[in-house]
Structure formats: C-alpha cells, structure tokens
N, C-alpha and C. Protein backbone atom coordinates (compact mmCIF):
# COMPACT_ATOMS: atom_id res chain seq x y z
N MET A 1 71.52 112.15 84.53
CA MET A 1 71.53 110.77 83.86
C MET A 1 72.02 109.62 84.43
N SER A 2 71.56 108.60 84.65
CA SER A 2 71.84 107.47 85.34
C SER A 2 71.89 106.27 84.54
N PHE A 3 72.88 105.51 84.67
CA PHE A 3 73.20 104.30 83.77
C PHE A 3 72.99 103.08 84.76
N SER A 4 72.79 101.82 84.30
CA SER A 4 72.45 100.85 85.27
C SER A 4 73.76 100.26 85.95
N SER A 5 74.91 100.65 85.11
CA SER A 5 76.16 100.37 85.52
C SER A 5 76.81 101.17 86.58
N ASP A 6 76.01 102.28 86.83
CA ASP A 6 76.53 103.20 87.76
C ASP A 6 76.59 102.42 89.11
N ASN A 7 75.57 101.71 89.55
CA ASN A 7 75.28 100.98 90.92
C ASN A 7 74.90 99.76 90.66
N PRO A 8 76.02 98.85 90.28
CA PRO A 8 75.74 97.47 90.20
C PRO A 8 74.94 96.87 91.54
N SER A 9 74.34 95.70 91.08
CA SER A 9 73.57 95.08 92.02
C SER A 9 74.32 94.47 93.26
N GLY A 10 73.89 94.75 94.45
CA GLY A 10 74.58 94.41 95.57
C GLY A 10 75.54 95.46 96.10
N THR A 11 75.67 96.44 95.57
CA THR A 11 76.66 97.52 96.11
C THR A 11 76.17 98.68 96.69
N GLU A 12 74.83 98.63 96.82
CA GLU A 12 74.10 99.94 97.28
C GLU A 12 74.57 100.19 98.67
N PRO A 13 74.82 101.34 99.20
CA PRO A 13 75.03 101.55 100.65
C PRO A 13 74.10 101.01 101.63
N GLN A 14 74.65 100.45 102.60
CA GLN A 14 73.73 99.84 103.59
C GLN A 14 73.84 100.53 104.98
N GLY A 15 73.04 101.32 105.59
CA GLY A 15 73.20 102.05 106.63
C GLY A 15 74.20 103.23 106.79
N ASP A 16 75.06 103.19 107.88
CA ASP A 16 75.79 104.27 107.98
C ASP A 16 77.09 104.04 107.09
N SER A 17 77.67 105.21 106.79
CA SER A 17 79.19 105.10 105.95
C SER A 17 80.26 104.59 106.95
N PRO A 18 81.29 104.02 106.53
CA PRO A 18 82.27 103.55 107.36
C PRO A 18 82.95 104.71 108.16
N TYR A 19 82.70 105.72 107.63
CA TYR A 19 83.57 107.02 108.51
C TYR A 19 82.50 107.80 109.33
N GLY A 20 81.29 107.31 109.65
CA GLY A 20 80.34 107.86 110.64
C GLY A 20 80.52 107.04 112.05
N GLY A 21 79.42 107.14 112.68
CA GLY A 21 79.40 106.45 113.91
C GLY A 21 80.37 106.93 114.84
N ALA A 22 80.99 105.96 115.84
CA ALA A 22 81.82 106.18 116.97
C ALA A 22 83.02 107.22 116.54
N LEU A 23 83.57 106.77 115.31
CA LEU A 23 84.97 107.28 115.10
C LEU A 23 84.48 108.83 114.80
N ALA A 24 83.56 109.17 114.23
CA ALA A 24 83.36 110.43 113.68
C ALA A 24 83.05 111.32 115.17
N ASP A 25 82.13 110.59 116.10
CA ASP A 25 81.95 111.28 117.44
C ASP A 25 83.13 111.43 118.19
N ALA A 26 84.06 110.70 118.14
CA ALA A 26 85.38 110.76 118.93
C ALA A 26 86.26 111.84 118.41
N ALA A 27 86.11 112.01 116.93
CA ALA A 27 87.00 112.75 116.21
C ALA A 27 86.99 114.36 116.69
N TRP A 28 85.52 114.73 116.72
CA TRP A 28 85.24 116.12 117.11
C TRP A 28 85.73 116.39 118.53
N GLN A 29 85.56 115.18 119.52
CA GLN A 29 86.07 115.54 120.82
C GLN A 29 87.44 115.67 121.02
N VAL A 30 88.12 115.04 120.18
CA VAL A 30 89.53 115.06 120.10
C VAL A 30 90.16 116.23 119.57
N LEU A 31 89.44 116.86 118.69
CA LEU A 31 89.84 118.18 118.00
C LEU A 31 89.45 119.31 119.24
N LEU A 32 88.25 119.22 119.74
CA LEU A 32 87.91 120.15 120.70
C LEU A 32 88.97 120.15 121.88
N THR A 33 89.30 118.92 122.50
CA THR A 33 90.19 119.01 123.65
C THR A 33 91.48 119.29 123.23
N SER A 34 91.89 119.15 121.99
CA SER A 34 93.49 119.55 121.59
C SER A 34 93.33 121.01 121.51
N GLY A 35 92.22 121.70 120.91
CA GLY A 35 92.05 123.07 120.80
C GLY A 35 92.24 123.88 122.10
N VAL A 36 91.26 123.28 123.16
CA VAL A 36 91.47 123.80 124.49
C VAL A 36 92.51 123.63 125.20
N ALA A 37 93.28 122.49 125.03
CA ALA A 37 94.72 122.33 125.54
C ALA A 37 95.73 123.30 124.77
N ALA A 38 95.60 123.50 123.59
CA ALA A 38 96.58 124.53 122.96
C ALA A 38 96.28 126.04 123.55
N PHE A 39 95.00 126.41 123.65
CA PHE A 39 94.60 127.75 124.04
C PHE A 39 95.20 127.80 125.66
N ALA A 40 94.97 126.90 126.43
CA ALA A 40 95.53 126.93 127.86
C ALA A 40 97.02 127.09 127.84
N TRP A 41 97.48 126.27 126.99
CA TRP A 41 99.16 126.25 126.93
C TRP A 41 99.62 127.65 126.58
N GLY A 42 99.04 128.38 125.76
CA GLY A 42 99.26 129.63 125.12
C GLY A 42 99.21 130.68 126.22
N VAL A 43 98.05 130.44 127.03
CA VAL A 43 97.92 131.60 128.26
C VAL A 43 98.77 131.32 129.32
N PHE A 44 99.21 129.85 129.58
CA PHE A 44 100.36 129.53 130.36
C PHE A 44 101.67 130.07 130.04
N GLU A 45 101.97 130.20 128.76
CA GLU A 45 103.08 130.55 128.18
C GLU A 45 103.34 132.09 128.54
N LEU A 46 102.24 132.75 128.13
CA LEU A 46 102.26 134.08 128.21
C LEU A 46 102.31 134.54 129.70
N GLU A 47 101.81 133.98 130.55
CA GLU A 47 101.77 134.40 132.03
C GLU A 47 103.08 133.95 132.60
N TRP A 48 103.73 132.71 132.21
CA TRP A 48 104.83 132.36 133.28
C TRP A 48 105.79 131.73 132.21
N PRO A 49 106.67 132.77 131.59
CA PRO A 49 107.44 132.12 130.30
C PRO A 49 108.56 131.13 130.63
N GLY A 50 108.98 131.03 131.98
CA GLY A 50 109.86 129.96 132.15
C GLY A 50 109.22 128.65 132.65
N ALA A 51 108.17 128.67 133.09
CA ALA A 51 107.53 127.47 133.69
C ALA A 51 107.15 126.27 132.57
N PRO A 52 106.64 126.72 131.18
CA PRO A 52 106.33 125.71 130.31
C PRO A 52 107.66 124.90 130.04
N LEU A 53 108.83 125.54 129.97
CA LEU A 53 109.96 124.83 129.65
C LEU A 53 110.22 123.67 130.75
N ILE A 54 110.09 123.80 131.75
CA ILE A 54 110.21 122.91 132.99
C ILE A 54 109.00 121.90 132.90
N LEU A 55 107.87 122.30 132.62
CA LEU A 55 106.84 121.32 132.43
C LEU A 55 107.04 120.37 131.34
N VAL A 56 107.51 120.91 130.20
CA VAL A 56 107.91 120.06 129.08
C VAL A 56 108.97 119.07 129.36
N GLY A 57 109.83 119.54 130.21
CA GLY A 57 111.00 118.72 130.50
C GLY A 57 110.56 117.47 131.45
N VAL A 58 109.51 117.76 132.53
CA VAL A 58 108.98 116.84 133.27
C VAL A 58 108.22 115.76 132.51
N LEU A 59 107.16 116.39 131.49
CA LEU A 59 106.44 115.47 130.96
C LEU A 59 107.26 114.66 129.94
N PHE A 60 108.36 115.19 129.42
CA PHE A 60 109.00 114.23 128.48
C PHE A 60 109.81 113.22 129.20
N GLY A 61 110.33 113.62 130.57
CA GLY A 61 110.65 112.60 131.45
C GLY A 61 109.89 111.55 131.82
N ILE A 62 108.66 111.91 132.20
CA ILE A 62 107.47 110.84 132.31
C ILE A 62 107.24 109.99 131.04
N HIS A 63 107.35 110.46 129.91
CA HIS A 63 106.97 109.90 128.72
C HIS A 63 108.28 108.63 128.62
N LEU A 64 109.27 109.28 128.96
CA LEU A 64 110.47 108.15 128.66
C LEU A 64 110.40 107.13 129.49
N LEU A 65 110.01 107.45 131.02
CA LEU A 65 109.77 106.27 131.84
C LEU A 65 108.85 105.46 131.59
N ALA A 66 107.60 105.95 131.11
CA ALA A 66 106.53 105.02 130.94
C ALA A 66 106.84 104.29 129.43
N GLY A 67 107.57 104.81 128.64
CA GLY A 67 108.12 104.11 127.33
C GLY A 67 108.99 103.04 127.58
N GLY A 68 109.66 103.08 128.68
CA GLY A 68 110.49 101.98 129.23
C GLY A 68 110.00 100.93 130.10
N VAL A 69 109.14 101.38 130.90
CA VAL A 69 108.58 100.52 131.96
C VAL A 69 107.61 99.67 131.34
N PHE A 70 106.65 100.21 130.60
CA PHE A 70 105.37 99.43 130.12
C PHE A 70 106.02 98.27 129.26
N PRO A 71 106.93 98.53 128.29
CA PRO A 71 107.58 97.51 127.57
C PRO A 71 108.13 96.27 128.33
N LEU A 72 108.90 96.80 129.27
CA LEU A 72 109.51 95.84 130.10
C LEU A 72 108.36 94.98 130.87
N ALA A 73 107.57 95.67 131.70
CA ALA A 73 106.43 94.96 132.35
C ALA A 73 105.70 93.93 131.41
N GLY A 74 105.42 94.26 130.07
CA GLY A 74 104.96 93.55 129.27
C GLY A 74 105.80 92.23 128.95
N ALA A 75 107.00 92.48 128.71
CA ALA A 75 107.84 91.29 128.46
C ALA A 75 107.89 90.38 129.54
N ARG A 76 107.98 91.00 130.76
CA ARG A 76 107.94 90.15 132.06
C ARG A 76 106.89 89.32 132.26
N ALA A 77 105.57 90.02 131.79
CA ALA A 77 104.28 89.22 132.03
C ALA A 77 104.23 88.06 130.97
N GLY A 78 104.89 88.31 130.05
CA GLY A 78 104.90 87.10 128.95
C GLY A 78 105.88 86.21 128.94
N GLU A 79 106.81 86.19 129.99
CA GLU A 79 107.60 85.23 130.27
C GLU A 79 107.00 83.86 130.67
N GLY A 80 106.32 83.84 131.65
CA GLY A 80 105.69 82.70 132.21
C GLY A 80 104.90 81.83 131.45
N GLY A 81 104.19 82.33 130.26
CA GLY A 81 103.17 81.72 129.68
C GLY A 81 103.93 80.73 128.54
N GLY A 82 103.79 79.95 127.91
CA GLY A 82 104.47 79.31 126.81
C GLY A 82 103.85 77.98 126.50
N SER A 83 104.68 77.07 126.95
CA SER A 83 104.48 75.66 126.64
C SER A 83 103.19 75.07 127.50
C-alpha cells in the first residue's frame, strides 16, 4: 500500500545513488588490494620471521620522514605568497 505522502513531489531519486559511481568502483579495488597485501604479508611472515620486523621499522621511519618533510615543504612554499 502506498500513500501520496510516502514520496513527496520533487524528491524522487534522480539517476545513480550518492553511494554508487566512482566511489563504489574504488572501494572494491581498495578492499582487493588490502586483502592481497595482507595475504602476501602473511606468507612473508611465515617464510622469514625476522624480516617483517625490520621492514616495519623501515616503513615507519619513511612514514615519519614524509610526515615531517611534506608539512615543512608546504609551509616553506606558502611563505612567499601573501600581500
């Protein structure tokens, strides 16, 4: 049973939903990539138990460097512009 107040005039869905399109296409790719990376990490961990700890340390160091360098570069680039 449908009432006229269920779908007021002007609120009918138009085209794709806001959750579809490019966002939905990218979401499954991110999930697939994450799953493949997790599987590869597990195989790597089983084959060479000590190596992943070193790799995590190196990746964390790169993350810290990038987290410090990029904001400094952005602040430096923003110095000259102004008035």
